[in-house]
C-alpha atoms as a PDB file:
ATOM      1  CA  MET A   1      -8.461 -33.338 -60.076  1.00  0.00           C
ATOM      2  CA  LYS A   2      -9.113 -33.446 -55.991  1.00  0.00           C
ATOM      3  CA  ARG A   3      -7.443 -32.034 -54.050  1.00  0.00           C
ATOM      4  CA  ILE A   4      -5.360 -32.357 -50.303  1.00  0.00           C
ATOM      5  CA  VAL A   5      -2.332 -30.103 -48.815  1.00  0.00           C
ATOM      6  CA  ILE A   6       0.295 -32.206 -46.581  1.00  0.00           C
ATOM      7  CA  ALA A   7       2.573 -31.209 -44.060  1.00  0.00           C
ATOM      8  CA  SER A   8       4.208 -32.921 -40.854  1.00  0.00           C
ATOM      9  CA  ASP A   9       6.889 -32.568 -38.854  1.00  0.00           C
ATOM     10  CA  HIS A  10      10.302 -34.816 -38.445  1.00  0.00           C
ATOM     11  CA  GLY A  11       8.094 -37.291 -36.225  1.00  0.00           C
ATOM     12  CA  ALA A  12       5.648 -38.337 -39.010  1.00  0.00           C
ATOM     13  CA  VAL A  13       8.295 -38.487 -42.984  1.00  0.00           C
ATOM     14  CA  GLU A  14       7.471 -41.952 -42.485  1.00  0.00           C
ATOM     15  CA  LEU A  15       3.933 -41.906 -41.700  1.00  0.00           C
ATOM     16  CA  LYS A  16       3.171 -39.531 -44.067  1.00  0.00           C
ATOM     17  CA  THR A  17       5.077 -41.198 -47.601  1.00  0.00           C
ATOM     18  CA  GLN A  18       3.202 -43.953 -46.389  1.00  0.00           C
ATOM     19  CA  ILE A  19      -0.383 -40.771 -47.001  1.00  0.00           C
ATOM     20  CA  VAL A  20       0.849 -39.565 -49.785  1.00  0.00           C
ATOM     21  CA  ALA A  21       1.409 -42.779 -51.617  1.00  0.00           C
ATOM     22  CA  PHE A  22      -2.041 -43.526 -51.093  1.00  0.00           C
ATOM     23  CA  LEU A  23      -4.326 -40.890 -52.002  1.00  0.00           C
ATOM     24  CA  LYS A  24      -1.826 -40.575 -55.173  1.00  0.00           C
ATOM     25  CA  LYS A  25      -3.267 -44.204 -55.854  1.00  0.00           C
ATOM     26  CA  LYS A  26      -6.944 -42.836 -55.329  1.00  0.00           C
ATOM     27  CA  ASN A  27      -5.997 -39.901 -57.605  1.00  0.00           C
ATOM     28  CA  PHE A  28      -5.573 -36.654 -55.454  1.00  0.00           C
ATOM     29  CA  GLU A  29      -3.455 -34.646 -56.401  1.00  0.00           C
ATOM     30  CA  VAL A  30      -1.346 -33.738 -53.418  1.00  0.00           C
ATOM     31  CA  THR A  31       0.655 -30.446 -51.873  1.00  0.00           C
ATOM     32  CA  ASP A  32       3.304 -32.024 -49.637  1.00  0.00           C
ATOM     33  CA  LEU A  33       5.042 -28.942 -47.667  1.00  0.00           C
ATOM     34  CA  GLY A  34       7.676 -31.635 -46.146  1.00  0.00           C
ATOM     35  CA  THR A  35       8.775 -32.788 -44.195  1.00  0.00           C
ATOM     36  CA  HIS A  36      11.156 -34.761 -45.990  1.00  0.00           C
ATOM     37  CA  GLY A  37      13.896 -35.897 -43.903  1.00  0.00           C
ATOM     38  CA  SER A  38      15.004 -36.888 -40.395  1.00  0.00           C
ATOM     39  CA  ALA A  39      16.018 -32.731 -39.238  1.00  0.00           C
ATOM     40  CA  ALA A  40      13.816 -31.242 -36.782  1.00  0.00           C
ATOM     41  CA  VAL A  41      11.347 -29.060 -37.657  1.00  0.00           C
ATOM     42  CA  ASP A  42       8.516 -27.428 -35.533  1.00  0.00           C
ATOM     43  CA  TYR A  43       5.481 -28.871 -36.219  1.00  0.00           C
ATOM     44  CA  PRO A  44       3.924 -25.697 -35.308  1.00  0.00           C
ATOM     45  CA  ASP A  45       4.961 -23.813 -39.121  1.00  0.00           C
ATOM     46  CA  MET A  46       4.655 -27.461 -40.048  1.00  0.00           C
ATOM     47  CA  ALA A  47       0.435 -26.481 -39.214  1.00  0.00           C
ATOM     48  CA  LEU A  48       0.938 -22.823 -39.872  1.00  0.00           C
ATOM     49  CA  ALA A  49       2.141 -23.980 -43.044  1.00  0.00           C
ATOM     50  CA  ALA A  50      -0.462 -25.867 -43.786  1.00  0.00           C
ATOM     51  CA  CYS A  51      -3.264 -24.238 -43.145  1.00  0.00           C
ATOM     52  CA  ASN A  52      -2.286 -21.152 -44.998  1.00  0.00           C
ATOM     53  CA  GLU A  53      -2.279 -23.172 -48.273  1.00  0.00           C
ATOM     54  CA  PHE A  54      -5.859 -24.209 -47.557  1.00  0.00           C
ATOM     55  CA  LYS A  55      -7.196 -21.331 -47.113  1.00  0.00           C
ATOM     56  CA  LYS A  56      -6.050 -20.022 -50.775  1.00  0.00           C
ATOM     57  CA  GLY A  57      -8.970 -22.597 -51.842  1.00  0.00           C
ATOM     58  CA  GLY A  58      -9.442 -25.495 -54.162  1.00  0.00           C
ATOM     59  CA  TYR A  59      -8.297 -28.288 -51.244  1.00  0.00           C
ATOM     60  CA  GLU A  60     -10.818 -30.624 -50.295  1.00  0.00           C
ATOM     61  CA  PHE A  61      -9.120 -30.780 -47.147  1.00  0.00           C
ATOM     62  CA  GLY A  62      -5.643 -30.929 -44.494  1.00  0.00           C
ATOM     63  CA  ILE A  63      -3.994 -33.466 -43.105  1.00  0.00           C
ATOM     64  CA  LEU A  64      -1.344 -33.078 -40.282  1.00  0.00           C
ATOM     65  CA  LEU A  65       1.450 -35.065 -38.842  1.00  0.00           C
ATOM     66  CA  CYS A  66       3.835 -35.201 -35.693  1.00  0.00           C
ATOM     67  CA  GLY A  67       4.942 -37.805 -32.842  1.00  0.00           C
ATOM     68  CA  THR A  68       1.621 -38.128 -31.145  1.00  0.00           C
ATOM     69  CA  GLY A  69      -1.101 -35.767 -33.633  1.00  0.00           C
ATOM     70  CA  ILE A  70      -1.783 -33.651 -30.791  1.00  0.00           C
ATOM     71  CA  GLY A  71       0.625 -30.799 -30.953  1.00  0.00           C
ATOM     72  CA  VAL A  72      -0.323 -30.190 -35.166  1.00  0.00           C
ATOM     73  CA  SER A  73      -4.185 -30.287 -34.284  1.00  0.00           C
ATOM     74  CA  ILE A  74      -4.071 -27.929 -31.119  1.00  0.00           C
ATOM     75  CA  ALA A  75      -1.223 -25.742 -33.914  1.00  0.00           C
ATOM     76  CA  ALA A  76      -3.934 -26.111 -36.297  1.00  0.00           C
ATOM     77  CA  ASN A  77      -7.809 -25.501 -34.517  1.00  0.00           C
ATOM     78  CA  LYS A  78      -5.445 -22.047 -33.296  1.00  0.00           C
ATOM     79  CA  VAL A  79      -5.677 -20.603 -37.335  1.00  0.00           C
ATOM     80  CA  ASN A  80      -9.031 -19.319 -37.482  1.00  0.00           C
ATOM     81  CA  GLY A  81     -11.269 -20.962 -40.427  1.00  0.00           C
ATOM     82  CA  ILE A  82      -9.664 -24.240 -39.127  1.00  0.00           C
ATOM     83  CA  ARG A  83     -11.362 -27.374 -38.166  1.00  0.00           C
ATOM     84  CA  CYS A  84      -9.405 -30.477 -37.288  1.00  0.00           C
ATOM     85  CA  ALA A  85      -9.733 -33.466 -35.862  1.00  0.00           C
ATOM     86  CA  LEU A  86      -7.800 -36.129 -34.501  1.00  0.00           C
ATOM     87  CA  PRO A  87      -9.433 -39.319 -35.328  1.00  0.00           C
ATOM     88  CA  PHE A  88      -8.130 -42.304 -33.466  1.00  0.00           C
ATOM     89  CA  ASP A  89     -10.772 -45.402 -34.666  1.00  0.00           C
ATOM     90  CA  LEU A  90     -13.127 -45.310 -37.700  1.00  0.00           C
ATOM     91  CA  PHE A  91     -16.097 -44.248 -35.839  1.00  0.00           C
ATOM     92  CA  SER A  92     -14.146 -40.440 -34.784  1.00  0.00           C
ATOM     93  CA  ALA A  93     -12.968 -39.889 -38.704  1.00  0.00           C
ATOM     94  CA  GLU A  94     -16.305 -40.575 -39.608  1.00  0.00           C
ATOM     95  CA  MET A  95     -17.395 -37.947 -37.294  1.00  0.00           C
ATOM     96  CA  ALA A  96     -15.259 -35.277 -37.996  1.00  0.00           C
ATOM     97  CA  LYS A  97     -16.454 -35.015 -41.099  1.00  0.00           C
ATOM     98  CA  ALA A  98     -20.208 -35.973 -40.655  1.00  0.00           C
ATOM     99  CA  HIS A  99     -20.816 -33.614 -38.094  1.00  0.00           C
ATOM    100  CA  ASN A 100     -18.126 -31.511 -37.151  1.00  0.00           C
ATOM    101  CA  ASN A 101     -17.238 -30.920 -41.156  1.00  0.00           C
ATOM    102  CA  ALA A 102     -13.500 -31.093 -40.557  1.00  0.00           C
ATOM    103  CA  ASN A 103     -11.252 -29.196 -43.150  1.00  0.00           C
ATOM    104  CA  PHE A 104      -8.349 -30.712 -41.891  1.00  0.00           C
ATOM    105  CA  ILE A 105      -7.363 -34.111 -40.090  1.00  0.00           C
ATOM    106  CA  ALA A 106      -4.342 -35.111 -37.879  1.00  0.00           C
ATOM    107  CA  PHE A 107      -2.689 -37.942 -37.309  1.00  0.00           C
ATOM    108  CA  GLY A 108       0.265 -39.142 -34.682  1.00  0.00           C
ATOM    109  CA  GLY A 109       3.308 -40.564 -36.866  1.00  0.00           C
ATOM    110  CA  ARG A 110       5.481 -42.044 -33.615  1.00  0.00           C
ATOM    111  CA  ILE A 111       1.389 -43.737 -32.086  1.00  0.00           C
ATOM    112  CA  LYS A 112       0.767 -47.510 -32.026  1.00  0.00           C
ATOM    113  CA  TYR A 113      -2.976 -47.469 -33.418  1.00  0.00           C
ATOM    114  CA  SER A 114      -5.688 -50.247 -33.771  1.00  0.00           C
ATOM    115  CA  LEU A 115      -6.109 -50.181 -37.036  1.00  0.00           C
ATOM    116  CA  PRO A 116      -4.416 -48.433 -40.173  1.00  0.00           C
ATOM    117  CA  VAL A 117      -3.949 -44.741 -40.702  1.00  0.00           C
ATOM    118  CA  LEU A 118      -5.420 -44.937 -44.176  1.00  0.00           C
ATOM    119  CA  ASP A 119      -8.619 -46.771 -43.333  1.00  0.00           C
ATOM    120  CA  MET A 120      -9.776 -43.897 -40.902  1.00  0.00           C
ATOM    121  CA  ILE A 121      -8.104 -40.934 -44.014  1.00  0.00           C
ATOM    122  CA  GLU A 122     -10.734 -43.525 -46.215  1.00  0.00           C
ATOM    123  CA  LYS A 123     -14.019 -42.652 -44.309  1.00  0.00           C
ATOM    124  CA  PHE A 124     -13.406 -39.571 -44.014  1.00  0.00           C
ATOM    125  CA  LEU A 125     -12.775 -39.433 -47.502  1.00  0.00           C
ATOM    126  CA  ASN A 126     -16.017 -41.816 -47.969  1.00  0.00           C
ATOM    127  CA  THR A 127     -18.862 -39.572 -45.410  1.00  0.00           C
ATOM    128  CA  LYS A 128     -20.537 -36.989 -46.200  1.00  0.00           C
ATOM    129  CA  PHE A 129     -21.290 -33.570 -44.033  1.00  0.00           C
ATOM    130  CA  ALA A 130     -24.398 -34.350 -42.800  1.00  0.00           C
ATOM    131  CA  GLY A 131     -25.463 -30.729 -42.092  1.00  0.00           C
ATOM    132  CA  ASP A 132     -29.303 -30.075 -40.426  1.00  0.00           C
ATOM    133  CA  ARG A 133     -28.551 -29.356 -36.842  1.00  0.00           C
ATOM    134  CA  HIS A 134     -24.858 -30.077 -37.633  1.00  0.00           C
ATOM    135  CA  GLU A 135     -24.483 -26.239 -39.882  1.00  0.00           C
ATOM    136  CA  GLN A 136     -25.532 -24.163 -36.796  1.00  0.00           C
ATOM    137  CA  ARG A 137     -23.091 -25.904 -34.244  1.00  0.00           C
ATOM    138  CA  ILE A 138     -20.473 -25.497 -36.385  1.00  0.00           C
ATOM    139  CA  ALA A 139     -21.647 -22.254 -36.670  1.00  0.00           C
ATOM    140  CA  LYS A 140     -21.564 -21.224 -33.470  1.00  0.00           C
ATOM    141  CA  MET A 141     -18.018 -23.069 -32.881  1.00  0.00           C
ATOM    142  CA  MET A 142     -16.602 -21.256 -35.587  1.00  0.00           C
ATOM    143  CA  ALA A 143     -18.190 -18.047 -34.081  1.00  0.00           C
ATOM    144  CA  MET A 144     -15.907 -18.603 -31.415  1.00  0.00           C
ATOM    145  CA  GLU A 145     -13.240 -16.873 -33.157  1.00  0.00           C
ATOM    146  CA  ASP A 146     -13.857 -13.801 -33.247  1.00  0.00           C
ATOM    147  CA  GLU A 147     -15.687 -14.326 -29.326  1.00  0.00           C
ATOM    148  CA  CYS A 148     -12.818 -15.444 -27.292  1.00  0.00           C
END
């Protein structure tokens, strides 16, 4: 069974619940690290927990959520080995996988998207990494972790 790790802060609990249900219907095993209520939690803590869980291995990818998706994606991209994209339409969801081989995607629970988040996740799920010239570009990005 394919596995996905997911975490959110208090600004996206409802959206996270919808995503978890969607993924389970698609026969994914979902590791939900929370949060599960409205009590405030800090999105950098949630991002770090999910990234560390992902790095243990065995996950297809991870999903992070906060009020806008911006803070949690920035936090995740500070973790070595993580490439977190913030898709906003079907094309960006597709390219996050096809060109950037993102291992996390992020969304905002308070954002009014022009299409359902579940459609973007579906597009990401159904896209394969294109490899080829994109492998060299990803290697350059990941090398920056050691150079900066």
